C-alpha atoms as a PDB file:
ATOM      1  CA  MET A   1       0.039  -0.023   0.042  1.00  0.00           C
ATOM      2  CA  GLU A   2       2.448   2.591  -1.031  1.00  0.00           C
ATOM      3  CA  ASN A   3      -0.288   5.126  -1.726  1.00  0.00           C
ATOM      4  CA  ILE A   4      -1.267   5.288   2.021  1.00  0.00           C
ATOM      5  CA  LYS A   5       2.267   6.302   3.280  1.00  0.00           C
ATOM      6  CA  ILE A   6       2.793   9.525   5.112  1.00  0.00           C
ATOM      7  CA  THR A   7       5.086  10.714   1.872  1.00  0.00           C
ATOM      8  CA  GLU A   8       2.333  10.048  -0.724  1.00  0.00           C
ATOM      9  CA  LEU A   9      -0.782  11.878   1.157  1.00  0.00           C
ATOM     10  CA  PHE A  10       1.190  14.985   2.577  1.00  0.00           C
ATOM     11  CA  ASP A  11       3.502  17.771   2.011  1.00  0.00           C
ATOM     12  CA  LEU A  12       5.343  18.117   5.083  1.00  0.00           C
ATOM     13  CA  THR A  13       6.602  21.653   4.376  1.00  0.00           C
ATOM     14  CA  HIS A  14       3.160  22.506   5.039  1.00  0.00           C
ATOM     15  CA  THR A  15       3.224  21.561   9.055  1.00  0.00           C
ATOM     16  CA  ILE A  16       5.579  22.183  12.354  1.00  0.00           C
ATOM     17  CA  ALA A  17       4.700  18.493  12.556  1.00  0.00           C
ATOM     18  CA  ALA A  18       6.850  17.405   9.962  1.00  0.00           C
ATOM     19  CA  ASP A  19      10.028  16.082  11.742  1.00  0.00           C
ATOM     20  CA  TYR A  20       7.557  14.019  14.051  1.00  0.00           C
ATOM     21  CA  LEU A  21       5.594  12.699  10.963  1.00  0.00           C
ATOM     22  CA  ASN A  22       9.072  11.719   9.219  1.00  0.00           C
ATOM     23  CA  GLN A  23       9.198   8.813  12.125  1.00  0.00           C
ATOM     24  CA  PHE A  24       6.718   7.222  10.789  1.00  0.00           C
ATOM     25  CA  THR A  25       5.394   5.124   7.387  1.00  0.00           C
ATOM     26  CA  TYR A  26       1.600   5.380   7.703  1.00  0.00           C
ATOM     27  CA  PRO A  27       0.031   8.475   9.067  1.00  0.00           C
ATOM     28  CA  TRP A  28      -2.228   6.361  12.039  1.00  0.00           C
ATOM     29  CA  GLU A  29       0.864   5.615  13.717  1.00  0.00           C
ATOM     30  CA  ALA A  30       1.563   9.132  14.574  1.00  0.00           C
ATOM     31  CA  LEU A  31      -2.018   9.321  16.614  1.00  0.00           C
ATOM     32  CA  LYS A  32      -0.479   8.025  19.769  1.00  0.00           C
ATOM     33  CA  GLY A  33       1.956  10.583  20.521  1.00  0.00           C
ATOM     34  CA  ILE A  34       0.211  13.704  19.178  1.00  0.00           C
ATOM     35  CA  SER A  35      -0.095  14.779  22.755  1.00  0.00           C
ATOM     36  CA  GLU A  36       3.305  14.465  23.986  1.00  0.00           C
ATOM     37  CA  PHE A  37       4.567  16.271  20.586  1.00  0.00           C
ATOM     38  CA  ILE A  38       2.673  19.085  21.069  1.00  0.00           C
ATOM     39  CA  ILE A  39       3.817  19.420  24.711  1.00  0.00           C
ATOM     40  CA  SER A  40       7.342  19.436  23.710  1.00  0.00           C
ATOM     41  CA  ILE A  41       7.371  21.442  20.682  1.00  0.00           C
ATOM     42  CA  GLY A  42       4.943  23.924  22.469  1.00  0.00           C
ATOM     43  CA  LYS A  43       7.588  24.553  24.824  1.00  0.00           C
ATOM     44  CA  THR A  44      10.014  25.813  22.112  1.00  0.00           C
ATOM     45  CA  LEU A  45       7.425  28.523  20.417  1.00  0.00           C
ATOM     46  CA  SER A  46       8.864  32.188  21.064  1.00  0.00           C
ATOM     47  CA  PRO A  47       6.478  34.180  23.736  1.00  0.00           C
ATOM     48  CA  ASP A  48       7.270  37.045  20.959  1.00  0.00           C
ATOM     49  CA  GLU A  49       4.844  35.035  18.716  1.00  0.00           C
ATOM     50  CA  TYR A  50       2.329  33.005  20.599  1.00  0.00           C
ATOM     51  CA  ASP A  51       0.402  33.419  23.816  1.00  0.00           C
ATOM     52  CA  ASN A  52       0.177  30.714  26.534  1.00  0.00           C
ATOM     53  CA  PRO A  53      -3.478  31.578  27.863  1.00  0.00           C
ATOM     54  CA  SER A  54      -3.336  28.207  30.030  1.00  0.00           C
ATOM     55  CA  GLU A  55      -0.913  25.080  30.896  1.00  0.00           C
ATOM     56  CA  ASN A  56       0.186  23.640  27.021  1.00  0.00           C
ATOM     57  CA  VAL A  57      -2.282  25.779  25.533  1.00  0.00           C
ATOM     58  CA  TRP A  58      -0.026  28.128  22.550  1.00  0.00           C
ATOM     59  CA  ILE A  59      -2.156  30.381  20.045  1.00  0.00           C
ATOM     60  CA  HIS A  60      -0.190  32.334  17.629  1.00  0.00           C
ATOM     61  CA  LYS A  61      -0.844  36.273  18.258  1.00  0.00           C
ATOM     62  CA  THR A  62      -2.273  36.464  15.048  1.00  0.00           C
ATOM     63  CA  ALA A  63      -4.946  33.915  15.399  1.00  0.00           C
ATOM     64  CA  LYS A  64      -8.545  35.001  16.010  1.00  0.00           C
ATOM     65  CA  VAL A  65     -10.430  33.005  18.827  1.00  0.00           C
ATOM     66  CA  PHE A  66     -14.004  33.665  19.325  1.00  0.00           C
ATOM     67  CA  PRO A  67     -14.782  34.266  23.147  1.00  0.00           C
ATOM     68  CA  SER A  68     -17.337  31.175  22.945  1.00  0.00           C
ATOM     69  CA  ALA A  69     -14.488  28.662  21.819  1.00  0.00           C
ATOM     70  CA  TYR A  70     -13.055  26.100  24.127  1.00  0.00           C
ATOM     71  CA  ILE A  71      -9.567  25.382  23.807  1.00  0.00           C
ATOM     72  CA  GLY A  72      -8.305  22.023  25.660  1.00  0.00           C
ATOM     73  CA  SER A  73      -4.884  21.431  26.506  1.00  0.00           C
ATOM     74  CA  PRO A  74      -2.787  20.626  24.734  1.00  0.00           C
ATOM     75  CA  CYS A  75      -3.435  22.584  21.831  1.00  0.00           C
ATOM     76  CA  ILE A  76      -1.080  24.629  19.153  1.00  0.00           C
ATOM     77  CA  ILE A  77      -2.858  26.960  17.021  1.00  0.00           C
ATOM     78  CA  GLY A  78      -1.092  28.870  13.988  1.00  0.00           C
ATOM     79  CA  ALA A  79      -0.672  32.171  12.520  1.00  0.00           C
ATOM     80  CA  ASP A  80      -3.758  33.774  11.297  1.00  0.00           C
ATOM     81  CA  THR A  81      -6.178  30.942  12.080  1.00  0.00           C
ATOM     82  CA  GLU A  82      -9.856  31.441  12.979  1.00  0.00           C
ATOM     83  CA  VAL A  83     -11.382  29.801  15.823  1.00  0.00           C
ATOM     84  CA  ARG A  84     -14.744  30.527  15.568  1.00  0.00           C
ATOM     85  CA  HIS A  85     -17.916  30.431  18.388  1.00  0.00           C
ATOM     86  CA  CYS A  86     -18.842  27.748  20.320  1.00  0.00           C
ATOM     87  CA  ALA A  87     -15.701  25.353  18.689  1.00  0.00           C
ATOM     88  CA  PHE A  88     -15.058  22.497  20.808  1.00  0.00           C
ATOM     89  CA  ILE A  89     -11.180  21.725  20.624  1.00  0.00           C
ATOM     90  CA  ARG A  90     -10.971  19.111  23.397  1.00  0.00           C
ATOM     91  CA  GLY A  91      -6.825  18.750  23.139  1.00  0.00           C
ATOM     92  CA  SER A  92      -4.143  17.123  21.634  1.00  0.00           C
ATOM     93  CA  ALA A  93      -4.883  19.404  18.605  1.00  0.00           C
ATOM     94  CA  LEU A  94      -1.983  20.860  16.560  1.00  0.00           C
ATOM     95  CA  ILE A  95      -3.567  23.311  14.088  1.00  0.00           C
ATOM     96  CA  GLY A  96      -1.607  25.056  11.387  1.00  0.00           C
ATOM     97  CA  LYS A  97      -1.796  28.391   9.752  1.00  0.00           C
ATOM     98  CA  ASN A  98      -4.524  30.187   7.691  1.00  0.00           C
ATOM     99  CA  CYS A  99      -6.955  27.491   9.244  1.00  0.00           C
ATOM    100  CA  VAL A 100     -10.678  27.966   9.979  1.00  0.00           C
ATOM    101  CA  ILE A 101     -12.405  26.022  12.962  1.00  0.00           C
ATOM    102  CA  GLY A 102     -15.634  26.668  12.409  1.00  0.00           C
ATOM    103  CA  ASN A 103     -18.673  26.911  14.664  1.00  0.00           C
ATOM    104  CA  SER A 104     -19.938  24.169  16.675  1.00  0.00           C
ATOM    105  CA  VAL A 105     -16.731  21.873  15.469  1.00  0.00           C
ATOM    106  CA  GLU A 106     -15.241  19.497  17.674  1.00  0.00           C
ATOM    107  CA  LEU A 107     -11.580  18.278  17.097  1.00  0.00           C
ATOM    108  CA  LYS A 108     -10.045  15.724  19.359  1.00  0.00           C
ATOM    109  CA  ASN A 109      -6.237  14.228  18.774  1.00  0.00           C
ATOM    110  CA  VAL A 110      -5.835  15.842  15.293  1.00  0.00           C
ATOM    111  CA  ILE A 111      -2.930  16.916  13.098  1.00  0.00           C
ATOM    112  CA  ILE A 112      -4.273  20.130  10.885  1.00  0.00           C
ATOM    113  CA  PHE A 113      -2.020  20.826   8.343  1.00  0.00           C
ATOM    114  CA  ASP A 114      -2.123  24.848   7.037  1.00  0.00           C
ATOM    115  CA  ASN A 115      -5.005  26.383   5.167  1.00  0.00           C
ATOM    116  CA  VAL A 116      -7.076  23.511   6.264  1.00  0.00           C
ATOM    117  CA  GLN A 117     -11.001  24.620   6.647  1.00  0.00           C
ATOM    118  CA  THR A 118     -13.612  22.535   8.814  1.00  0.00           C
ATOM    119  CA  PRO A 119     -16.045  25.347   8.722  1.00  0.00           C
ATOM    120  CA  HIS A 120     -19.575  24.131  10.026  1.00  0.00           C
ATOM    121  CA  TYR A 121     -20.449  21.397  12.456  1.00  0.00           C
ATOM    122  CA  ASN A 122     -17.942  18.668  11.874  1.00  0.00           C
ATOM    123  CA  TYR A 123     -16.764  16.320  14.278  1.00  0.00           C
ATOM    124  CA  VAL A 124     -12.541  15.489  13.637  1.00  0.00           C
ATOM    125  CA  GLY A 125     -11.134  12.932  15.938  1.00  0.00           C
ATOM    126  CA  ASP A 126      -7.982  10.803  15.772  1.00  0.00           C
ATOM    127  CA  SER A 127      -7.233  12.213  12.160  1.00  0.00           C
ATOM    128  CA  ILE A 128      -5.144  14.126   9.879  1.00  0.00           C
ATOM    129  CA  LEU A 129      -6.150  16.551   7.717  1.00  0.00           C
ATOM    130  CA  GLY A 130      -3.492  17.544   4.980  1.00  0.00           C
ATOM    131  CA  TYR A 131      -2.513  21.127   3.350  1.00  0.00           C
ATOM    132  CA  LYS A 132      -6.073  22.755   1.969  1.00  0.00           C
ATOM    133  CA  SER A 133      -8.339  19.863   2.528  1.00  0.00           C
ATOM    134  CA  HIS A 134     -11.760  21.225   3.113  1.00  0.00           C
ATOM    135  CA  MET A 135     -14.542  19.368   5.299  1.00  0.00           C
ATOM    136  CA  GLY A 136     -18.162  20.486   4.020  1.00  0.00           C
ATOM    137  CA  ALA A 137     -20.592  21.817   6.513  1.00  0.00           C
ATOM    138  CA  GLY A 138     -21.914  18.398   8.560  1.00  0.00           C
ATOM    139  CA  SER A 139     -19.387  16.006   7.602  1.00  0.00           C
ATOM    140  CA  ILE A 140     -17.599  13.780  10.065  1.00  0.00           C
ATOM    141  CA  THR A 141     -14.595  11.369  10.777  1.00  0.00           C
ATOM    142  CA  SER A 142     -16.142   8.274  12.582  1.00  0.00           C
ATOM    143  CA  ASN A 143     -13.053   7.017  14.748  1.00  0.00           C
ATOM    144  CA  VAL A 144     -14.646   3.694  16.322  1.00  0.00           C
ATOM    145  CA  LYS A 145     -16.041   0.752  14.714  1.00  0.00           C
ATOM    146  CA  SER A 146     -19.452   0.056  16.125  1.00  0.00           C
ATOM    147  CA  ASP A 147     -17.988  -3.155  17.708  1.00  0.00           C
ATOM    148  CA  LYS A 148     -15.260  -1.883  19.331  1.00  0.00           C
ATOM    149  CA  THR A 149     -12.836  -3.516  17.746  1.00  0.00           C
ATOM    150  CA  ASN A 150      -9.196  -2.574  16.486  1.00  0.00           C
ATOM    151  CA  VAL A 151      -9.384  -0.751  12.836  1.00  0.00           C
ATOM    152  CA  VAL A 152      -8.176  -2.134   9.886  1.00  0.00           C
ATOM    153  CA  ILE A 153      -7.279  -0.354   6.755  1.00  0.00           C
ATOM    154  CA  LYS A 154      -8.793  -2.095   3.516  1.00  0.00           C
ATOM    155  CA  SER A 155      -7.878  -1.186   0.144  1.00  0.00           C
ATOM    156  CA  ASN A 156      -9.073  -3.975  -2.862  1.00  0.00           C
ATOM    157  CA  ASN A 157      -7.610  -7.111  -1.760  1.00  0.00           C
ATOM    158  CA  GLU A 158      -5.077  -5.900   0.506  1.00  0.00           C
ATOM    159  CA  GLU A 159      -5.340  -5.220   4.536  1.00  0.00           C
ATOM    160  CA  ILE A 160      -3.221  -4.056   7.124  1.00  0.00           C
ATOM    161  CA  VAL A 161      -4.070  -4.666  10.710  1.00  0.00           C
ATOM    162  CA  THR A 162      -3.649  -1.486  12.474  1.00  0.00           C
ATOM    163  CA  GLY A 163      -3.723  -2.694  16.393  1.00  0.00           C
ATOM    164  CA  ILE A 164      -5.679   0.702  17.355  1.00  0.00           C
ATOM    165  CA  LYS A 165      -9.168   0.984  18.293  1.00  0.00           C
ATOM    166  CA  LYS A 166      -9.426   4.694  17.656  1.00  0.00           C
ATOM    167  CA  ILE A 167      -8.480   5.644  13.748  1.00  0.00           C
ATOM    168  CA  GLY A 168     -10.760   8.380  11.933  1.00  0.00           C
ATOM    169  CA  ALA A 169      -9.556   9.742   8.451  1.00  0.00           C
ATOM    170  CA  MET A 170      -6.773  10.311   6.993  1.00  0.00           C
ATOM    171  CA  LEU A 171      -7.231  13.157   4.385  1.00  0.00           C
ATOM    172  CA  GLY A 172      -4.427  13.995   1.831  1.00  0.00           C
ATOM    173  CA  ASP A 173      -3.215  17.368   0.503  1.00  0.00           C
ATOM    174  CA  PHE A 174      -6.093  19.037  -1.023  1.00  0.00           C
ATOM    175  CA  VAL A 175      -8.919  16.702  -0.437  1.00  0.00           C
ATOM    176  CA  GLU A 176     -12.752  17.937  -0.803  1.00  0.00           C
ATOM    177  CA  VAL A 177     -15.210  16.443   1.500  1.00  0.00           C
ATOM    178  CA  GLY A 178     -19.046  17.025   0.768  1.00  0.00           C
ATOM    179  CA  CYS A 179     -21.462  18.098   2.933  1.00  0.00           C
ATOM    180  CA  ASN A 180     -22.853  15.564   5.699  1.00  0.00           C
ATOM    181  CA  SER A 181     -20.777  13.106   4.446  1.00  0.00           C
ATOM    182  CA  VAL A 182     -19.454  10.229   7.303  1.00  0.00           C
ATOM    183  CA  LEU A 183     -15.881   9.037   6.683  1.00  0.00           C
ATOM    184  CA  ASN A 184     -15.863   5.792   8.645  1.00  0.00           C
ATOM    185  CA  PRO A 185     -12.923   4.391  10.941  1.00  0.00           C
ATOM    186  CA  GLY A 186      -9.666   4.116   8.863  1.00  0.00           C
ATOM    187  CA  THR A 187     -10.745   5.822   5.750  1.00  0.00           C
ATOM    188  CA  ILE A 188      -8.028   7.264   3.782  1.00  0.00           C
ATOM    189  CA  VAL A 189      -8.476   9.411   0.785  1.00  0.00           C
ATOM    190  CA  GLY A 190      -5.621  10.357  -1.054  1.00  0.00           C
ATOM    191  CA  ARG A 191      -4.182  13.713  -2.543  1.00  0.00           C
ATOM    192  CA  ASN A 192      -6.430  15.849  -4.693  1.00  0.00           C
ATOM    193  CA  SER A 193      -9.897  13.756  -4.412  1.00  0.00           C
ATOM    194  CA  SER A 194     -13.383  14.569  -3.746  1.00  0.00           C
ATOM    195  CA  ILE A 195     -16.004  12.885  -2.019  1.00  0.00           C
ATOM    196  CA  TYR A 196     -19.437  13.186  -2.911  1.00  0.00           C
ATOM    197  CA  PRO A 197     -22.083  15.057  -0.459  1.00  0.00           C
ATOM    198  CA  THR A 198     -23.859  13.019   2.194  1.00  0.00           C
ATOM    199  CA  SER A 199     -21.845  10.217   0.988  1.00  0.00           C
ATOM    200  CA  CYS A 200     -20.707   6.769   3.276  1.00  0.00           C
ATOM    201  CA  VAL A 201     -16.864   6.279   2.624  1.00  0.00           C
ATOM    202  CA  ARG A 202     -14.668   3.903   3.918  1.00  0.00           C
ATOM    203  CA  GLY A 203     -11.032   2.550   2.856  1.00  0.00           C
ATOM    204  CA  VAL A 204      -9.032   3.512   0.302  1.00  0.00           C
ATOM    205  CA  ILE A 205      -9.807   6.222  -1.989  1.00  0.00           C
ATOM    206  CA  PRO A 206      -6.908   7.040  -4.431  1.00  0.00           C
ATOM    207  CA  GLU A 207      -5.521  10.071  -5.230  1.00  0.00           C
ATOM    208  CA  ASN A 208      -6.807  12.328  -7.859  1.00  0.00           C
ATOM    209  CA  SER A 209     -10.185  10.226  -7.759  1.00  0.00           C
ATOM    210  CA  ILE A 210     -14.023  11.024  -7.354  1.00  0.00           C
ATOM    211  CA  CYS A 211     -15.968   9.144  -4.812  1.00  0.00           C
ATOM    212  CA  LYS A 212     -19.530   9.227  -5.581  1.00  0.00           C
ATOM    213  CA  THR A 213     -22.248   8.985  -3.021  1.00  0.00           C
ATOM    214  CA  SER A 214     -23.318   5.138  -4.613  1.00  0.00           C
ATOM    215  CA  GLY A 215     -19.779   4.092  -3.451  1.00  0.00           C
ATOM    216  CA  VAL A 216     -18.552   3.962  -7.072  1.00  0.00           C
ATOM    217  CA  THR A 217     -15.070   5.680  -7.195  1.00  0.00           C
ATOM    218  CA  VAL A 218     -13.896   7.369 -11.041  1.00  0.00           C
ATOM    219  CA  ILE A 219     -10.420   8.995 -11.781  1.00  0.00           C
ATOM    220  CA  LYS A 220     -10.578  12.579 -12.430  1.00  0.00           C
ATOM    221  CA  LYS A 221     -10.479  13.822 -15.835  1.00  0.00           C
END
């Protein structure tokens, strides 16, 4: 499954987590250590650039955080990012530059690359969202299987047993997710691919593809 490696999904120049992610082959392998990584790198951030409003929370001075947003620890919010009303950042959230975390959006144990938008009523948990990826209104990542067993990554006739109970979605750079879609546990979407609105998606969606509501995937022309 070469197409789902970190190097195939993401341009690591668009996140301060580049050195951290380079330690791993597959993106879900990075989920376990996000909290510790945020704390370690947060302590190196310049107080001239970042405010430290509470323990293990760092917010860039150019970021805009609305008063009703909740920012849990640990968390880093990058430059020029906007965190809108009633956003609920539960913790272990590394959010890049120029992002939008919208109204009533919930984040938990995530790496959000630069220029990502989760603007309206999204849940993103145990996930990594690549550069300029976008989640339409109401789209969510489901991070636990209904039978509570460990997540298995499936692509055609291949499987990878992760040994991990909670894995959401891994969205490559420039991925577009349509409104009210559900990305099932262990979904991986390759670079430049699009998901139709109201889709229920699972498995691996190749790069430069369109995943239609019927579950049919076609290559972009």
